[in-house]
Protein backbone atom coordinates (compact mmCIF):
# COMPACT_ATOMS: atom_id res chain seq x y z
CA UNK A 1 157.31 80.37 101.17
CA UNK A 2 155.94 82.29 104.14
CA UNK A 3 153.61 85.06 103.09
CA UNK A 4 152.41 86.82 106.22
CA UNK A 5 153.55 87.82 109.67
CA UNK A 6 151.12 85.27 111.12
CA UNK A 7 152.68 82.47 109.06
CA UNK A 8 156.16 83.53 110.17
CA UNK A 9 155.04 83.66 113.80
CA UNK A 10 153.52 80.17 113.49
CA UNK A 11 156.70 78.81 111.92
CA UNK A 12 158.76 80.44 114.67
CA UNK A 13 156.54 78.91 117.35
CA UNK A 14 156.87 75.48 115.71
CA UNK A 15 160.65 75.89 115.63
CA UNK A 16 160.64 76.87 119.30
CA UNK A 17 158.64 73.77 120.24
CA UNK A 18 161.13 71.57 118.41
CA UNK A 19 164.10 73.28 120.06
CA UNK A 20 165.51 72.37 123.43
CA UNK A 21 166.07 76.06 124.19
CA UNK A 22 163.82 77.74 126.72
CA UNK A 23 163.19 80.67 124.40
CA UNK A 24 164.02 81.01 120.71
CA UNK A 25 164.90 84.39 119.22
CA UNK A 26 164.62 85.43 115.61
CA UNK A 27 168.42 85.75 115.68
CA UNK A 28 168.74 82.00 116.34
CA UNK A 29 166.17 81.23 113.64
CA UNK A 30 168.14 83.39 111.19
CA UNK A 31 171.35 81.52 112.03
CA UNK A 32 169.67 78.22 111.22
CA UNK A 33 168.02 79.57 108.07
CA UNK A 34 171.30 81.08 106.90
CA UNK A 35 173.20 77.85 107.45
CA UNK A 36 170.58 75.69 105.73
CA UNK A 37 169.14 77.86 102.97
CA UNK A 38 170.96 81.10 102.18
CA UNK A 39 173.76 79.32 100.37
CA UNK A 40 171.21 78.25 97.72
CA UNK A 41 170.12 81.80 96.91
CA UNK A 42 171.30 83.54 93.77
CA UNK A 43 172.61 86.44 95.87
CA UNK A 44 173.27 85.27 99.44
CA UNK A 45 174.98 88.56 100.24
CA UNK A 46 171.63 90.32 99.77
CA UNK A 47 170.03 88.08 102.41
CA UNK A 48 172.89 88.93 104.78
CA UNK A 49 172.48 92.63 104.08
CA UNK A 50 168.75 92.40 104.71
CA UNK A 51 169.30 90.64 108.01
CA UNK A 52 171.87 93.24 109.07
CA UNK A 53 169.18 95.88 108.65
CA UNK A 54 166.46 93.85 110.41
CA UNK A 55 168.49 92.34 113.25
CA UNK A 56 168.58 95.51 115.35
CA UNK A 57 164.77 95.56 115.42
CA UNK A 58 163.84 91.89 115.44
CA UNK A 59 166.89 89.90 116.51
CA UNK A 60 165.97 89.63 120.19
CA UNK A 61 162.27 88.97 119.66
CA UNK A 62 161.04 85.58 120.76
CA UNK A 63 158.32 83.51 119.16
CA UNK A 64 155.81 85.01 121.58
CA UNK A 65 156.93 88.59 120.92
CA UNK A 66 156.94 88.42 117.14
CA UNK A 67 153.64 89.60 115.70
CA UNK A 68 152.14 92.29 113.48
CA UNK A 69 152.30 94.86 116.30
CA UNK A 70 156.06 94.29 116.66
CA UNK A 71 156.52 94.84 112.94
CA UNK A 72 154.48 98.04 112.93
CA UNK A 73 156.48 99.54 115.83
């Protein structure tokens, strides 16, 4: 389980390196996470609701833009 913004940013950067895309957004990471992991949650609809609230702020951020400063804004 990821515990800090720095760990999330590192995981996002690792995902971007393994992707053939030029730039990876949190939206694309969410799509992968949802497809692979959300179905195993006790309440997947809560994960979807959380993402709906976060997407407007973080969805377009890339691995290089996602950091503690972006979260604080």
